PDB file of N, CA and C in Angstrom:
ATOM      1  N   UNK A   1      -0.039  51.017  51.567  1.00  0.00           N
ATOM      2  CA  UNK A   1      -0.915  51.488  50.523  1.00  0.00           C
ATOM      3  C   UNK A   1      -0.678  50.717  49.229  1.00  0.00           C
ATOM      4  N   UNK A   2       0.605  50.467  48.897  1.00  0.00           N
ATOM      5  CA  UNK A   2       0.933  49.704  47.724  1.00  0.00           C
ATOM      6  C   UNK A   2       0.399  48.311  47.814  1.00  0.00           C
ATOM      7  N   UNK A   3       0.541  47.708  48.963  1.00  0.00           N
ATOM      8  CA  UNK A   3       0.038  46.349  49.191  1.00  0.00           C
ATOM      9  C   UNK A   3      -1.484  46.276  48.956  1.00  0.00           C
ATOM     10  N   UNK A   4      -2.183  47.281  49.439  1.00  0.00           N
ATOM     11  CA  UNK A   4      -3.644  47.297  49.270  1.00  0.00           C
ATOM     12  C   UNK A   4      -4.049  47.442  47.778  1.00  0.00           C
ATOM     13  N   UNK A   5      -3.335  48.307  47.067  1.00  0.00           N
ATOM     14  CA  UNK A   5      -3.595  48.468  45.635  1.00  0.00           C
ATOM     15  C   UNK A   5      -3.300  47.195  44.858  1.00  0.00           C
ATOM     16  N   UNK A   6      -2.182  46.582  45.181  1.00  0.00           N
ATOM     17  CA  UNK A   6      -1.809  45.310  44.524  1.00  0.00           C
ATOM     18  C   UNK A   6      -2.853  44.242  44.800  1.00  0.00           C
ATOM     19  N   UNK A   7      -3.300  44.136  46.042  1.00  0.00           N
ATOM     20  CA  UNK A   7      -4.341  43.156  46.380  1.00  0.00           C
ATOM     21  C   UNK A   7      -5.642  43.429  45.641  1.00  0.00           C
ATOM     22  N   UNK A   8      -6.034  44.685  45.552  1.00  0.00           N
ATOM     23  CA  UNK A   8      -7.263  45.043  44.873  1.00  0.00           C
ATOM     24  C   UNK A   8      -7.168  44.675  43.375  1.00  0.00           C
ATOM     25  N   UNK A   9      -6.042  44.989  42.753  1.00  0.00           N
ATOM     26  CA  UNK A   9      -5.824  44.645  41.328  1.00  0.00           C
ATOM     27  C   UNK A   9      -5.858  43.130  41.141  1.00  0.00           C
ATOM     28  N   UNK A  10      -5.231  42.411  42.015  1.00  0.00           N
ATOM     29  CA  UNK A  10      -5.231  40.951  41.942  1.00  0.00           C
ATOM     30  C   UNK A  10      -6.630  40.382  42.059  1.00  0.00           C
ATOM     31  N   UNK A  11      -7.389  40.871  43.001  1.00  0.00           N
ATOM     32  CA  UNK A  11      -8.771  40.394  43.199  1.00  0.00           C
ATOM     33  C   UNK A  11      -9.644  40.687  41.982  1.00  0.00           C
ATOM     34  N   UNK A  12      -9.500  41.919  41.451  1.00  0.00           N
ATOM     35  CA  UNK A  12     -10.255  42.281  40.251  1.00  0.00           C
ATOM     36  C   UNK A  12      -9.874  41.419  39.065  1.00  0.00           C
ATOM     37  N   UNK A  13      -8.592  41.154  38.895  1.00  0.00           N
ATOM     38  CA  UNK A  13      -8.120  40.311  37.780  1.00  0.00           C
ATOM     39  C   UNK A  13      -8.671  38.906  37.915  1.00  0.00           C
ATOM     40  N   UNK A  14      -8.688  38.347  39.089  1.00  0.00           N
ATOM     41  CA  UNK A  14      -9.224  37.004  39.292  1.00  0.00           C
ATOM     42  C   UNK A  14     -10.739  36.986  39.018  1.00  0.00           C
ATOM     43  N   UNK A  15     -11.418  38.028  39.433  1.00  0.00           N
ATOM     44  CA  UNK A  15     -12.875  38.088  39.190  1.00  0.00           C
ATOM     45  C   UNK A  15     -13.183  38.176  37.705  1.00  0.00           C
ATOM     46  N   UNK A  16     -12.432  38.994  36.986  1.00  0.00           N
ATOM     47  CA  UNK A  16     -12.621  39.087  35.524  1.00  0.00           C
ATOM     48  C   UNK A  16     -12.299  37.795  34.839  1.00  0.00           C
ATOM     49  N   UNK A  17     -11.191  37.144  35.221  1.00  0.00           N
ATOM     50  CA  UNK A  17     -10.847  35.845  34.627  1.00  0.00           C
ATOM     51  C   UNK A  17     -11.900  34.814  34.911  1.00  0.00           C
ATOM     52  N   UNK A  18     -12.450  34.804  36.099  1.00  0.00           N
ATOM     53  CA  UNK A  18     -13.495  33.873  36.457  1.00  0.00           C
ATOM     54  C   UNK A  18     -14.743  34.109  35.635  1.00  0.00           C
ATOM     55  N   UNK A  19     -15.143  35.368  35.492  1.00  0.00           N
ATOM     56  CA  UNK A  19     -16.325  35.707  34.693  1.00  0.00           C
ATOM     57  C   UNK A  19     -16.120  35.313  33.253  1.00  0.00           C
ATOM     58  N   UNK A  20     -14.943  35.552  32.688  1.00  0.00           N
ATOM     59  CA  UNK A  20     -14.651  35.186  31.310  1.00  0.00           C
ATOM     60  C   UNK A  20     -14.705  33.670  31.122  1.00  0.00           C
ATOM     61  N   UNK A  21     -14.148  32.951  32.063  1.00  0.00           N
ATOM     62  CA  UNK A  21     -14.173  31.479  31.980  1.00  0.00           C
ATOM     63  C   UNK A  21     -15.593  30.953  32.042  1.00  0.00           C
ATOM     64  N   UNK A  22     -16.440  31.574  32.906  1.00  0.00           N
ATOM     65  CA  UNK A  22     -17.830  31.163  33.013  1.00  0.00           C
ATOM     66  C   UNK A  22     -18.579  31.464  31.733  1.00  0.00           C
ATOM     67  N   UNK A  23     -18.320  32.617  31.101  1.00  0.00           N
ATOM     68  CA  UNK A  23     -18.946  32.968  29.852  1.00  0.00           C
ATOM     69  C   UNK A  23     -18.564  31.943  28.778  1.00  0.00           C
ATOM     70  N   UNK A  24     -17.270  31.588  28.704  1.00  0.00           N
ATOM     71  CA  UNK A  24     -16.824  30.620  27.736  1.00  0.00           C
ATOM     72  C   UNK A  24     -17.462  29.271  27.981  1.00  0.00           C
ATOM     73  N   UNK A  25     -17.656  28.905  29.229  1.00  0.00           N
ATOM     74  CA  UNK A  25     -18.286  27.613  29.552  1.00  0.00           C
ATOM     75  C   UNK A  25     -19.763  27.636  29.129  1.00  0.00           C
ATOM     76  N   UNK A  26     -20.455  28.748  29.354  1.00  0.00           N
ATOM     77  CA  UNK A  26     -21.830  28.892  28.944  1.00  0.00           C
ATOM     78  C   UNK A  26     -21.885  28.886  27.409  1.00  0.00           C
ATOM     79  N   UNK A  27     -20.965  29.574  26.761  1.00  0.00           N
ATOM     80  CA  UNK A  27     -20.893  29.601  25.291  1.00  0.00           C
ATOM     81  C   UNK A  27     -20.668  28.216  24.708  1.00  0.00           C
ATOM     82  N   UNK A  28     -19.800  27.445  25.374  1.00  0.00           N
ATOM     83  CA  UNK A  28     -19.526  26.087  24.933  1.00  0.00           C
ATOM     84  C   UNK A  28     -20.784  25.215  25.017  1.00  0.00           C
ATOM     85  N   UNK A  29     -21.517  25.388  26.102  1.00  0.00           N
ATOM     86  CA  UNK A  29     -22.779  24.634  26.268  1.00  0.00           C
ATOM     87  C   UNK A  29     -23.762  25.010  25.164  1.00  0.00           C
ATOM     88  N   UNK A  30     -23.882  26.300  24.867  1.00  0.00           N
ATOM     89  CA  UNK A  30     -24.771  26.727  23.815  1.00  0.00           C
ATOM     90  C   UNK A  30     -24.339  26.207  22.455  1.00  0.00           C
ATOM     91  N   UNK A  31     -23.030  26.198  22.200  1.00  0.00           N
ATOM     92  CA  UNK A  31     -22.458  25.740  20.936  1.00  0.00           C
ATOM     93  C   UNK A  31     -22.810  24.260  20.691  1.00  0.00           C
ATOM     94  N   UNK A  32     -22.976  23.551  21.765  1.00  0.00           N
ATOM     95  CA  UNK A  32     -23.282  22.108  21.698  1.00  0.00           C
ATOM     96  C   UNK A  32     -24.765  21.778  21.956  1.00  0.00           C
ATOM     97  N   UNK A  33     -25.583  22.842  22.180  1.00  0.00           N
ATOM     98  CA  UNK A  33     -26.978  22.648  22.546  1.00  0.00           C
ATOM     99  C   UNK A  33     -27.838  22.433  21.281  1.00  0.00           C
ATOM    100  N   UNK A  34     -28.504  21.292  21.188  1.00  0.00           N
ATOM    101  CA  UNK A  34     -29.348  20.966  20.034  1.00  0.00           C
ATOM    102  C   UNK A  34     -30.669  21.719  20.097  1.00  0.00           C
ATOM    103  N   UNK A  35     -30.932  22.459  21.147  1.00  0.00           N
ATOM    104  CA  UNK A  35     -32.170  23.240  21.271  1.00  0.00           C
ATOM    105  C   UNK A  35     -31.928  24.749  21.152  1.00  0.00           C
ATOM    106  N   UNK A  36     -30.715  25.159  20.756  1.00  0.00           N
ATOM    107  CA  UNK A  36     -30.369  26.570  20.636  1.00  0.00           C
ATOM    108  C   UNK A  36     -31.342  27.229  19.680  1.00  0.00           C
ATOM    109  N   UNK A  37     -31.926  28.345  20.083  1.00  0.00           N
ATOM    110  CA  UNK A  37     -32.884  29.078  19.263  1.00  0.00           C
ATOM    111  C   UNK A  37     -34.135  28.275  18.975  1.00  0.00           C
ATOM    112  N   UNK A  38     -34.446  27.383  19.895  1.00  0.00           N
ATOM    113  CA  UNK A  38     -35.594  26.471  19.716  1.00  0.00           C
ATOM    114  C   UNK A  38     -35.504  25.682  18.415  1.00  0.00           C
ATOM    115  N   UNK A  39     -34.312  25.208  18.170  1.00  0.00           N
ATOM    116  CA  UNK A  39     -34.038  24.418  16.944  1.00  0.00           C
ATOM    117  C   UNK A  39     -35.044  23.290  16.782  1.00  0.00           C
ATOM    118  N   UNK A  40     -35.449  23.107  15.565  1.00  0.00           N
ATOM    119  CA  UNK A  40     -36.475  22.070  15.313  1.00  0.00           C
ATOM    120  C   UNK A  40     -35.857  20.794  14.725  1.00  0.00           C
ATOM    121  N   UNK A  41     -34.545  20.659  14.817  1.00  0.00           N
ATOM    122  CA  UNK A  41     -33.923  19.418  14.374  1.00  0.00           C
ATOM    123  C   UNK A  41     -32.899  18.989  15.430  1.00  0.00           C
ATOM    124  N   UNK A  42     -32.146  18.020  15.131  1.00  0.00           N
ATOM    125  CA  UNK A  42     -31.191  17.460  16.125  1.00  0.00           C
ATOM    126  C   UNK A  42     -29.767  17.973  15.908  1.00  0.00           C
ATOM    127  N   UNK A  43     -29.620  19.179  15.371  1.00  0.00           N
ATOM    128  CA  UNK A  43     -28.312  19.763  15.123  1.00  0.00           C
ATOM    129  C   UNK A  43     -27.966  20.784  16.187  1.00  0.00           C
ATOM    130  N   UNK A  44     -26.642  20.932  16.378  1.00  0.00           N
ATOM    131  CA  UNK A  44     -26.116  22.007  17.183  1.00  0.00           C
ATOM    132  C   UNK A  44     -25.048  22.684  16.331  1.00  0.00           C
ATOM    133  N   UNK A  45     -24.489  23.750  16.807  1.00  0.00           N
ATOM    134  CA  UNK A  45     -23.388  24.413  16.085  1.00  0.00           C
ATOM    135  C   UNK A  45     -22.257  23.395  15.900  1.00  0.00           C
ATOM    136  N   UNK A  46     -22.018  22.616  16.908  1.00  0.00           N
ATOM    137  CA  UNK A  46     -20.921  21.627  16.888  1.00  0.00           C
ATOM    138  C   UNK A  46     -21.139  20.517  15.888  1.00  0.00           C
ATOM    139  N   UNK A  47     -22.369  20.281  15.485  1.00  0.00           N
ATOM    140  CA  UNK A  47     -22.688  19.264  14.494  1.00  0.00           C
ATOM    141  C   UNK A  47     -21.937  19.575  13.208  1.00  0.00           C
ATOM    142  N   UNK A  48     -22.022  20.816  12.751  1.00  0.00           N
ATOM    143  CA  UNK A  48     -21.367  21.233  11.487  1.00  0.00           C
ATOM    144  C   UNK A  48     -19.945  21.737  11.719  1.00  0.00           C
ATOM    145  N   UNK A  49     -19.658  22.168  12.926  1.00  0.00           N
ATOM    146  CA  UNK A  49     -18.369  22.774  13.234  1.00  0.00           C
ATOM    147  C   UNK A  49     -17.717  22.118  14.452  1.00  0.00           C
ATOM    148  N   UNK A  50     -17.386  20.815  14.375  1.00  0.00           N
ATOM    149  CA  UNK A  50     -16.798  20.177  15.530  1.00  0.00           C
ATOM    150  C   UNK A  50     -15.507  20.869  15.986  1.00  0.00           C
ATOM    151  N   UNK A  51     -15.484  21.191  17.255  1.00  0.00           N
ATOM    152  CA  UNK A  51     -14.359  21.898  17.863  1.00  0.00           C
ATOM    153  C   UNK A  51     -14.023  23.197  17.107  1.00  0.00           C
ATOM    154  N   UNK A  52     -15.033  23.788  16.472  1.00  0.00           N
ATOM    155  CA  UNK A  52     -14.842  25.053  15.791  1.00  0.00           C
ATOM    156  C   UNK A  52     -14.322  24.983  14.380  1.00  0.00           C
ATOM    157  N   UNK A  53     -14.206  23.817  13.820  1.00  0.00           N
ATOM    158  CA  UNK A  53     -13.725  23.689  12.438  1.00  0.00           C
ATOM    159  C   UNK A  53     -14.713  24.307  11.466  1.00  0.00           C
ATOM    160  N   UNK A  54     -14.136  24.986  10.478  1.00  0.00           N
ATOM    161  CA  UNK A  54     -14.975  25.553   9.433  1.00  0.00           C
ATOM    162  C   UNK A  54     -15.682  26.827   9.771  1.00  0.00           C
ATOM    163  N   UNK A  55     -15.282  27.500  10.823  1.00  0.00           N
ATOM    164  CA  UNK A  55     -15.928  28.784  11.148  1.00  0.00           C
ATOM    165  C   UNK A  55     -14.962  29.957  10.944  1.00  0.00           C
ATOM    166  N   UNK A  56     -14.153  29.795   9.910  1.00  0.00           N
ATOM    167  CA  UNK A  56     -13.166  30.848   9.602  1.00  0.00           C
ATOM    168  C   UNK A  56     -13.806  32.205   9.331  1.00  0.00           C
ATOM    169  N   UNK A  57     -14.949  32.229   8.627  1.00  0.00           N
ATOM    170  CA  UNK A  57     -15.600  33.503   8.388  1.00  0.00           C
ATOM    171  C   UNK A  57     -16.108  34.112   9.675  1.00  0.00           C
ATOM    172  N   UNK A  58     -16.539  33.255  10.594  1.00  0.00           N
ATOM    173  CA  UNK A  58     -17.019  33.739  11.873  1.00  0.00           C
ATOM    174  C   UNK A  58     -15.837  34.287  12.698  1.00  0.00           C
ATOM    175  N   UNK A  59     -14.691  33.613  12.591  1.00  0.00           N
ATOM    176  CA  UNK A  59     -13.508  34.105  13.318  1.00  0.00           C
ATOM    177  C   UNK A  59     -13.073  35.429  12.752  1.00  0.00           C
ATOM    178  N   UNK A  60     -13.142  35.594  11.420  1.00  0.00           N
ATOM    179  CA  UNK A  60     -12.802  36.849  10.795  1.00  0.00           C
ATOM    180  C   UNK A  60     -13.770  37.944  11.282  1.00  0.00           C
ATOM    181  N   UNK A  61     -15.056  37.604  11.325  1.00  0.00           N
ATOM    182  CA  UNK A  61     -16.071  38.547  11.781  1.00  0.00           C
ATOM    183  C   UNK A  61     -15.837  38.930  13.244  1.00  0.00           C
ATOM    184  N   UNK A  62     -15.171  38.054  13.988  1.00  0.00           N
ATOM    185  CA  UNK A  62     -14.937  38.327  15.426  1.00  0.00           C
ATOM    186  C   UNK A  62     -14.023  39.523  15.603  1.00  0.00           C
ATOM    187  N   UNK A  63     -13.328  39.926  14.554  1.00  0.00           N
ATOM    188  CA  UNK A  63     -12.456  41.121  14.641  1.00  0.00           C
ATOM    189  C   UNK A  63     -13.290  42.393  14.645  1.00  0.00           C
ATOM    190  N   UNK A  64     -14.565  42.318  14.261  1.00  0.00           N
ATOM    191  CA  UNK A  64     -15.453  43.471  14.304  1.00  0.00           C
ATOM    192  C   UNK A  64     -15.592  43.885  15.773  1.00  0.00           C
ATOM    193  N   UNK A  65     -15.246  45.112  16.079  1.00  0.00           N
ATOM    194  CA  UNK A  65     -15.194  45.498  17.462  1.00  0.00           C
ATOM    195  C   UNK A  65     -16.536  45.492  18.183  1.00  0.00           C
ATOM    196  N   UNK A  66     -17.648  45.641  17.458  1.00  0.00           N
ATOM    197  CA  UNK A  66     -18.946  45.615  18.136  1.00  0.00           C
ATOM    198  C   UNK A  66     -19.642  44.260  17.972  1.00  0.00           C
ATOM    199  N   UNK A  67     -18.996  43.296  17.374  1.00  0.00           N
ATOM    200  CA  UNK A  67     -19.502  41.917  17.227  1.00  0.00           C
ATOM    201  C   UNK A  67     -20.718  41.810  16.348  1.00  0.00           C
ATOM    202  N   UNK A  68     -21.145  42.856  15.655  1.00  0.00           N
ATOM    203  CA  UNK A  68     -22.355  42.821  14.885  1.00  0.00           C
ATOM    204  C   UNK A  68     -22.276  41.760  13.771  1.00  0.00           C
ATOM    205  N   UNK A  69     -21.151  41.669  13.082  1.00  0.00           N
ATOM    206  CA  UNK A  69     -20.997  40.703  11.984  1.00  0.00           C
ATOM    207  C   UNK A  69     -21.083  39.288  12.496  1.00  0.00           C
ATOM    208  N   UNK A  70     -20.414  39.008  13.607  1.00  0.00           N
ATOM    209  CA  UNK A  70     -20.378  37.685  14.166  1.00  0.00           C
ATOM    210  C   UNK A  70     -21.769  37.276  14.675  1.00  0.00           C
ATOM    211  N   UNK A  71     -22.482  38.221  15.284  1.00  0.00           N
ATOM    212  CA  UNK A  71     -23.838  37.964  15.727  1.00  0.00           C
ATOM    213  C   UNK A  71     -24.758  37.644  14.562  1.00  0.00           C
ATOM    214  N   UNK A  72     -24.554  38.335  13.449  1.00  0.00           N
ATOM    215  CA  UNK A  72     -25.329  38.066  12.267  1.00  0.00           C
ATOM    216  C   UNK A  72     -25.087  36.661  11.722  1.00  0.00           C
ATOM    217  N   UNK A  73     -23.809  36.213  11.750  1.00  0.00           N
ATOM    218  CA  UNK A  73     -23.459  34.881  11.289  1.00  0.00           C
ATOM    219  C   UNK A  73     -24.072  33.830  12.204  1.00  0.00           C
ATOM    220  N   UNK A  74     -24.000  34.065  13.519  1.00  0.00           N
ATOM    221  CA  UNK A  74     -24.593  33.112  14.470  1.00  0.00           C
ATOM    222  C   UNK A  74     -26.096  32.950  14.170  1.00  0.00           C
ATOM    223  N   UNK A  75     -26.780  34.070  14.026  1.00  0.00           N
ATOM    224  CA  UNK A  75     -28.230  33.995  13.788  1.00  0.00           C
ATOM    225  C   UNK A  75     -28.527  33.373  12.422  1.00  0.00           C
ATOM    226  N   UNK A  76     -27.699  33.616  11.437  1.00  0.00           N
ATOM    227  CA  UNK A  76     -27.930  33.009  10.116  1.00  0.00           C
ATOM    228  C   UNK A  76     -27.856  31.480  10.217  1.00  0.00           C
ATOM    229  N   UNK A  77     -26.895  30.961  11.013  1.00  0.00           N
ATOM    230  CA  UNK A  77     -26.776  29.534  11.218  1.00  0.00           C
ATOM    231  C   UNK A  77     -27.971  28.988  11.999  1.00  0.00           C
ATOM    232  N   UNK A  78     -28.405  29.729  13.039  1.00  0.00           N
ATOM    233  CA  UNK A  78     -29.513  29.274  13.849  1.00  0.00           C
ATOM    234  C   UNK A  78     -30.798  29.182  12.998  1.00  0.00           C
ATOM    235  N   UNK A  79     -31.032  30.223  12.199  1.00  0.00           N
ATOM    236  CA  UNK A  79     -32.222  30.218  11.376  1.00  0.00           C
ATOM    237  C   UNK A  79     -32.140  29.254  10.189  1.00  0.00           C
ATOM    238  N   UNK A  80     -30.933  29.009   9.697  1.00  0.00           N
ATOM    239  CA  UNK A  80     -30.762  28.123   8.537  1.00  0.00           C
ATOM    240  C   UNK A  80     -30.609  26.671   8.986  1.00  0.00           C
ATOM    241  N   UNK A  81     -29.353  26.189   9.092  1.00  0.00           N
ATOM    242  CA  UNK A  81     -29.147  24.779   9.383  1.00  0.00           C
ATOM    243  C   UNK A  81     -29.833  24.261  10.646  1.00  0.00           C
ATOM    244  N   UNK A  82     -29.899  25.099  11.710  1.00  0.00           N
ATOM    245  CA  UNK A  82     -30.502  24.659  12.955  1.00  0.00           C
ATOM    246  C   UNK A  82     -32.036  24.717  12.922  1.00  0.00           C
ATOM    247  N   UNK A  83     -32.557  25.449  11.939  1.00  0.00           N
ATOM    248  CA  UNK A  83     -33.993  25.631  11.795  1.00  0.00           C
ATOM    249  C   UNK A  83     -34.643  26.144  13.071  1.00  0.00           C
ATOM    250  N   UNK A  84     -34.010  27.183  13.635  1.00  0.00           N
ATOM    251  CA  UNK A  84     -34.491  27.770  14.864  1.00  0.00           C
ATOM    252  C   UNK A  84     -34.850  29.252  14.682  1.00  0.00           C
ATOM    253  N   UNK A  85     -35.014  29.941  15.809  1.00  0.00           N
ATOM    254  CA  UNK A  85     -35.332  31.353  15.795  1.00  0.00           C
ATOM    255  C   UNK A  85     -34.086  32.135  16.256  1.00  0.00           C
ATOM    256  N   UNK A  86     -33.829  33.233  15.571  1.00  0.00           N
ATOM    257  CA  UNK A  86     -32.689  34.068  15.899  1.00  0.00           C
ATOM    258  C   UNK A  86     -32.677  34.474  17.342  1.00  0.00           C
ATOM    259  N   UNK A  87     -31.485  34.561  17.892  1.00  0.00           N
ATOM    260  CA  UNK A  87     -31.318  35.072  19.278  1.00  0.00           C
ATOM    261  C   UNK A  87     -31.350  36.573  19.267  1.00  0.00           C
ATOM    262  N   UNK A  88     -31.905  37.214  20.250  1.00  0.00           N
ATOM    263  CA  UNK A  88     -31.784  38.672  20.374  1.00  0.00           C
ATOM    264  C   UNK A  88     -30.298  39.045  20.420  1.00  0.00           C
ATOM    265  N   UNK A  89     -29.915  40.039  19.653  1.00  0.00           N
ATOM    266  CA  UNK A  89     -28.509  40.351  19.529  1.00  0.00           C
ATOM    267  C   UNK A  89     -27.832  40.807  20.809  1.00  0.00           C
ATOM    268  N   UNK A  90     -28.571  41.317  21.761  1.00  0.00           N
ATOM    269  CA  UNK A  90     -28.013  41.776  23.015  1.00  0.00           C
ATOM    270  C   UNK A  90     -28.297  40.807  24.149  1.00  0.00           C
ATOM    271  N   UNK A  91     -28.725  39.590  23.881  1.00  0.00           N
ATOM    272  CA  UNK A  91     -29.042  38.639  24.926  1.00  0.00           C
ATOM    273  C   UNK A  91     -27.773  38.058  25.498  1.00  0.00           C
ATOM    274  N   UNK A  92     -27.877  37.500  26.713  1.00  0.00           N
ATOM    275  CA  UNK A  92     -26.775  36.856  27.363  1.00  0.00           C
ATOM    276  C   UNK A  92     -26.318  35.657  26.555  1.00  0.00           C
ATOM    277  N   UNK A  93     -27.315  34.872  26.008  1.00  0.00           N
ATOM    278  CA  UNK A  93     -26.971  33.724  25.187  1.00  0.00           C
ATOM    279  C   UNK A  93     -26.109  34.141  24.013  1.00  0.00           C
ATOM    280  N   UNK A  94     -26.506  35.192  23.294  1.00  0.00           N
ATOM    281  CA  UNK A  94     -25.747  35.641  22.150  1.00  0.00           C
ATOM    282  C   UNK A  94     -24.332  36.077  22.542  1.00  0.00           C
ATOM    283  N   UNK A  95     -24.245  36.855  23.624  1.00  0.00           N
ATOM    284  CA  UNK A  95     -22.929  37.304  24.065  1.00  0.00           C
ATOM    285  C   UNK A  95     -22.037  36.122  24.476  1.00  0.00           C
ATOM    286  N   UNK A  96     -22.608  35.139  25.121  1.00  0.00           N
ATOM    287  CA  UNK A  96     -21.806  33.974  25.552  1.00  0.00           C
ATOM    288  C   UNK A  96     -21.307  33.160  24.366  1.00  0.00           C
ATOM    289  N   UNK A  97     -22.166  32.928  23.375  1.00  0.00           N
ATOM    290  CA  UNK A  97     -21.733  32.144  22.233  1.00  0.00           C
ATOM    291  C   UNK A  97     -20.734  32.894  21.370  1.00  0.00           C
ATOM    292  N   UNK A  98     -20.886  34.214  21.278  1.00  0.00           N
ATOM    293  CA  UNK A  98     -19.915  35.050  20.575  1.00  0.00           C
ATOM    294  C   UNK A  98     -18.553  34.963  21.263  1.00  0.00           C
ATOM    295  N   UNK A  99     -18.538  35.081  22.567  1.00  0.00           N
ATOM    296  CA  UNK A  99     -17.251  34.992  23.284  1.00  0.00           C
ATOM    297  C   UNK A  99     -16.614  33.609  23.133  1.00  0.00           C
ATOM    298  N   UNK A 100     -17.425  32.577  23.130  1.00  0.00           N
ATOM    299  CA  UNK A 100     -16.911  31.207  22.931  1.00  0.00           C
ATOM    300  C   UNK A 100     -16.285  31.065  21.535  1.00  0.00           C
ATOM    301  N   UNK A 101     -16.966  31.564  20.518  1.00  0.00           N
ATOM    302  CA  UNK A 101     -16.439  31.468  19.168  1.00  0.00           C
ATOM    303  C   UNK A 101     -15.138  32.230  19.062  1.00  0.00           C
ATOM    304  N   UNK A 102     -15.067  33.386  19.683  1.00  0.00           N
ATOM    305  CA  UNK A 102     -13.813  34.125  19.703  1.00  0.00           C
ATOM    306  C   UNK A 102     -12.687  33.341  20.354  1.00  0.00           C
ATOM    307  N   UNK A 103     -13.039  32.621  21.433  1.00  0.00           N
ATOM    308  CA  UNK A 103     -12.018  31.833  22.116  1.00  0.00           C
ATOM    309  C   UNK A 103     -11.516  30.692  21.233  1.00  0.00           C
ATOM    310  N   UNK A 104     -12.407  30.166  20.376  1.00  0.00           N
ATOM    311  CA  UNK A 104     -11.954  29.114  19.440  1.00  0.00           C
ATOM    312  C   UNK A 104     -10.915  29.663  18.482  1.00  0.00           C
ATOM    313  N   UNK A 105     -11.085  30.913  18.069  1.00  0.00           N
ATOM    314  CA  UNK A 105     -10.129  31.505  17.186  1.00  0.00           C
ATOM    315  C   UNK A 105      -8.754  31.703  17.822  1.00  0.00           C
ATOM    316  N   UNK A 106      -8.753  31.888  19.120  1.00  0.00           N
ATOM    317  CA  UNK A 106      -7.477  32.055  19.857  1.00  0.00           C
ATOM    318  C   UNK A 106      -6.746  30.717  20.047  1.00  0.00           C
ATOM    319  N   UNK A 107      -7.432  29.598  19.891  1.00  0.00           N
ATOM    320  CA  UNK A 107      -6.828  28.304  20.134  1.00  0.00           C
ATOM    321  C   UNK A 107      -6.049  27.809  18.908  1.00  0.00           C
ATOM    322  N   UNK A 108      -6.346  28.359  17.729  1.00  0.00           N
ATOM    323  CA  UNK A 108      -5.784  27.825  16.505  1.00  0.00           C
ATOM    324  C   UNK A 108      -4.756  28.724  15.897  1.00  0.00           C
TER     325      UNK A 108
END
């Protein structure tokens, strides 16, 4: 019985880790995507924030447990410098880019 519980926990842990890594990979692609939010110029998030530099306010907002502040900052950048349209706050794209930005904060 113990062996079965241990195996189940291990499988679930690997599944969660895999899903998190996939989300971060999708978020990284979005962070570097020049068409994010149907951007009308040749900029991506990475253009102004290479490797996450200069997103300290976004990292601080990442501490907001419901991510509302960080999502607002992401959309402000998309509508401003990227000249695009805001992402729906509950979309997969928004959730992926938020998780990626949070991971950048963990690297520094």
